[in-house]
C-alpha atoms as a PDB file:
ATOM      1  CA  SER A   1       4.593 -23.097   1.066  1.00  0.00           C
ATOM      2  CA  TRP A   2       0.962 -21.454   0.827  1.00  0.00           C
ATOM      3  CA  LEU A   3       1.253 -19.584   4.118  1.00  0.00           C
ATOM      4  CA  SER A   4       4.101 -17.064   4.772  1.00  0.00           C
ATOM      5  CA  PRO A   5       2.469 -14.345   6.759  1.00  0.00           C
ATOM      6  CA  ALA A   6       3.965 -11.002   7.921  1.00  0.00           C
ATOM      7  CA  VAL A   7       2.867  -8.030  10.033  1.00  0.00           C
ATOM      8  CA  SER A   8       4.188  -4.479   9.502  1.00  0.00           C
ATOM      9  CA  LEU A   9       3.460  -1.526  11.959  1.00  0.00           C
ATOM     10  CA  THR A  10       4.801   1.907  11.001  1.00  0.00           C
ATOM     11  CA  SER A  11       4.311   5.376  12.120  1.00  0.00           C
ATOM     12  CA  ASP A  12       4.700   8.727  10.393  1.00  0.00           C
ATOM     13  CA  PHE A  13       5.820  11.968  11.462  1.00  0.00           C
ATOM     14  CA  ALA A  14       5.790  14.123   8.328  1.00  0.00           C
ATOM     15  CA  ARG A  15       6.682  17.715   9.430  1.00  0.00           C
ATOM     16  CA  LEU A  16       7.132  19.674   6.177  1.00  0.00           C
ATOM     17  CA  GLU A  17       7.735  23.405   7.005  1.00  0.00           C
ATOM     18  CA  GLY A  18       5.248  25.937   5.266  1.00  0.00           C
ATOM     19  CA  SER A  19       2.993  23.205   4.428  1.00  0.00           C
ATOM     20  CA  SER A  20      -0.643  22.102   5.584  1.00  0.00           C
ATOM     21  CA  GLN A  21       0.306  18.581   4.827  1.00  0.00           C
ATOM     22  CA  ARG A  22       2.131  18.131   8.245  1.00  0.00           C
ATOM     23  CA  TYR A  23       0.725  14.996   9.811  1.00  0.00           C
ATOM     24  CA  THR A  24       1.283  12.249  12.241  1.00  0.00           C
ATOM     25  CA  GLY A  25       0.080   8.685  11.731  1.00  0.00           C
ATOM     26  CA  ALA A  26       0.393   4.862  11.791  1.00  0.00           C
ATOM     27  CA  GLU A  27      -0.163   1.942   9.548  1.00  0.00           C
ATOM     28  CA  LEU A  28      -0.858  -1.684  10.267  1.00  0.00           C
ATOM     29  CA  PHE A  29      -0.180  -4.094   7.255  1.00  0.00           C
ATOM     30  CA  LEU A  30      -0.832  -7.715   7.038  1.00  0.00           C
ATOM     31  CA  THR A  31       0.464  -9.921   4.129  1.00  0.00           C
ATOM     32  CA  ASN A  32       0.650 -13.217   3.040  1.00  0.00           C
ATOM     33  CA  ARG A  33       3.030 -14.808   0.334  1.00  0.00           C
ATOM     34  CA  MET A  34       1.953 -17.931  -1.464  1.00  0.00           C
ATOM     35  CA  PHE A  35       4.701 -19.789  -3.304  1.00  0.00           C
ATOM     36  CA  LEU A  36       2.283 -21.521  -5.615  1.00  0.00           C
ATOM     37  CA  THR A  37       5.302 -23.039  -7.824  1.00  0.00           C
ATOM     38  CA  ASN A  38       9.024 -22.310  -8.227  1.00  0.00           C
ATOM     39  CA  ARG A  39       7.919 -19.980 -11.035  1.00  0.00           C
ATOM     40  CA  PHE A  40       4.809 -18.276  -9.668  1.00  0.00           C
ATOM     41  CA  VAL A  41       4.328 -16.187  -6.486  1.00  0.00           C
ATOM     42  CA  LEU A  42       1.002 -14.731  -5.137  1.00  0.00           C
ATOM     43  CA  MET A  43       1.008 -11.962  -2.466  1.00  0.00           C
ATOM     44  CA  GLN A  44      -2.308 -10.731  -0.654  1.00  0.00           C
ATOM     45  CA  GLY A  45      -2.409  -8.031   1.886  1.00  0.00           C
ATOM     46  CA  ALA A  46      -4.755  -5.807   3.769  1.00  0.00           C
ATOM     47  CA  GLY A  47      -4.297  -3.005   6.326  1.00  0.00           C
ATOM     48  CA  ILE A  48      -5.341   0.341   7.735  1.00  0.00           C
ATOM     49  CA  ALA A  49      -3.555   3.545   8.220  1.00  0.00           C
ATOM     50  CA  THR A  50      -4.453   6.845  10.065  1.00  0.00           C
ATOM     51  CA  ARG A  51      -3.329  10.196   9.662  1.00  0.00           C
ATOM     52  CA  TYR A  52      -3.880  13.393  11.799  1.00  0.00           C
ATOM     53  CA  TYR A  53      -3.119  16.674  10.082  1.00  0.00           C
ATOM     54  CA  ASP A  54      -2.893  18.970  13.023  1.00  0.00           C
ATOM     55  CA  SER A  55      -1.327  22.081  11.567  1.00  0.00           C
ATOM     56  CA  ARG A  56      -3.982  23.034   9.505  1.00  0.00           C
ATOM     57  CA  PRO A  57      -5.214  26.685   9.799  1.00  0.00           C
ATOM     58  CA  GLU A  58      -8.755  25.715   9.082  1.00  0.00           C
ATOM     59  CA  ALA A  59      -9.566  22.779  11.418  1.00  0.00           C
ATOM     60  CA  LEU A  60      -7.880  19.468  12.369  1.00  0.00           C
ATOM     61  CA  ARG A  61      -8.232  16.822   9.689  1.00  0.00           C
ATOM     62  CA  SER A  62      -8.280  13.181  10.346  1.00  0.00           C
ATOM     63  CA  ASP A  63      -8.128  10.466   7.745  1.00  0.00           C
ATOM     64  CA  THR A  64      -8.724   6.739   7.866  1.00  0.00           C
ATOM     65  CA  GLN A  65      -7.446   4.645   5.003  1.00  0.00           C
ATOM     66  CA  PRO A  66      -8.275   0.834   4.919  1.00  0.00           C
ATOM     67  CA  PHE A  67      -6.514  -0.834   2.010  1.00  0.00           C
ATOM     68  CA  ALA A  68      -6.188  -4.149   0.302  1.00  0.00           C
ATOM     69  CA  MET A  69      -3.743  -5.494  -2.397  1.00  0.00           C
ATOM     70  CA  LEU A  70      -3.031  -8.504  -4.576  1.00  0.00           C
ATOM     71  CA  SER A  71       0.176  -8.906  -6.332  1.00  0.00           C
ATOM     72  CA  GLY A  72       1.687 -11.649  -8.558  1.00  0.00           C
ATOM     73  CA  VAL A  73       5.236 -12.391  -9.869  1.00  0.00           C
ATOM     74  CA  ALA A  74       5.599 -15.054 -12.671  1.00  0.00           C
ATOM     75  CA  LYS A  75       9.156 -15.995 -13.820  1.00  0.00           C
ATOM     76  CA  LEU A  76       8.673 -16.729 -17.614  1.00  0.00           C
ATOM     77  CA  SER A  77      12.359 -17.418 -18.259  1.00  0.00           C
ATOM     78  CA  SER A  78      15.851 -16.904 -16.906  1.00  0.00           C
ATOM     79  CA  GLU A  79      15.694 -13.441 -18.442  1.00  0.00           C
ATOM     80  CA  PHE A  80      11.902 -12.445 -17.887  1.00  0.00           C
ATOM     81  CA  THR A  81       9.546 -11.926 -15.162  1.00  0.00           C
ATOM     82  CA  LEU A  82       6.062 -10.677 -15.287  1.00  0.00           C
ATOM     83  CA  LEU A  83       4.781  -8.353 -12.409  1.00  0.00           C
ATOM     84  CA  SER A  84       1.411  -7.540 -11.723  1.00  0.00           C
ATOM     85  CA  GLU A  85      -0.527  -5.748  -8.890  1.00  0.00           C
ATOM     86  CA  VAL A  86      -3.898  -4.608  -8.073  1.00  0.00           C
ATOM     87  CA  ARG A  87      -4.430  -2.178  -4.988  1.00  0.00           C
ATOM     88  CA  TYR A  88      -7.681  -0.546  -3.404  1.00  0.00           C
ATOM     89  CA  MET A  89      -7.652   2.089  -0.930  1.00  0.00           C
ATOM     90  CA  ASN A  90     -10.707   4.042   0.614  1.00  0.00           C
ATOM     91  CA  ASN A  91      -9.774   7.412   2.101  1.00  0.00           C
ATOM     92  CA  SER A  92     -12.093   8.496   4.643  1.00  0.00           C
ATOM     93  CA  SER A  93     -11.780  11.971   6.140  1.00  0.00           C
ATOM     94  CA  ASN A  94     -13.583  14.249   8.300  1.00  0.00           C
ATOM     95  CA  VAL A  95     -13.091  16.898   5.704  1.00  0.00           C
ATOM     96  CA  SER A  96     -15.291  15.715   2.832  1.00  0.00           C
ATOM     97  CA  LEU A  97     -12.949  17.345   0.222  1.00  0.00           C
ATOM     98  CA  TYR A  98     -10.334  14.522   0.886  1.00  0.00           C
ATOM     99  CA  SER A  99     -12.642  11.449   1.105  1.00  0.00           C
ATOM    100  CA  PHE A 100     -12.110   9.175  -2.021  1.00  0.00           C
ATOM    101  CA  SER A 101     -11.758   5.742  -3.264  1.00  0.00           C
ATOM    102  CA  GLN A 102      -8.788   4.537  -5.403  1.00  0.00           C
ATOM    103  CA  LEU A 103      -8.108   1.478  -7.424  1.00  0.00           C
ATOM    104  CA  VAL A 104      -4.726   1.020  -9.049  1.00  0.00           C
ATOM    105  CA  ALA A 105      -3.862  -1.944 -11.534  1.00  0.00           C
ATOM    106  CA  ASN A 106      -0.086  -2.220 -12.682  1.00  0.00           C
ATOM    107  CA  VAL A 107       1.646  -4.952 -14.997  1.00  0.00           C
ATOM    108  CA  GLY A 108       5.134  -4.936 -15.750  1.00  0.00           C
ATOM    109  CA  LEU A 109       7.808  -7.178 -17.620  1.00  0.00           C
ATOM    110  CA  GLN A 110      11.277  -7.326 -15.917  1.00  0.00           C
ATOM    111  CA  TYR A 111      14.285  -8.000 -18.094  1.00  0.00           C
ATOM    112  CA  TYR A 112      17.518  -9.310 -16.451  1.00  0.00           C
ATOM    113  CA  TYR A 113      20.514  -9.098 -18.538  1.00  0.00           C
ATOM    114  CA  PHE A 114      23.392 -10.365 -16.318  1.00  0.00           C
END
């Protein structure tokens, strides 16, 4: 099947004592899994997250994080599976020190021995 969508909505309430990294926030994540063959699955996703750091002594910090990802799983044999993922995120903050973009790529080989 080429269409297998999912929607995830989460909320965060990180209240670390003694830290300025205390925040509240929410995240909306949309994904779709494409079962291309019985050995290959491709997953696409996109979303947006918001974070409000309300315990900072300097000033209120507000971040918005749109992100996108693409991952693949290829079953090479009964023992080996190839895993890959590319993820992009752009953190836009009202405090310029915390604004950045991030691109991460991962590749792995999984071995099943049972």
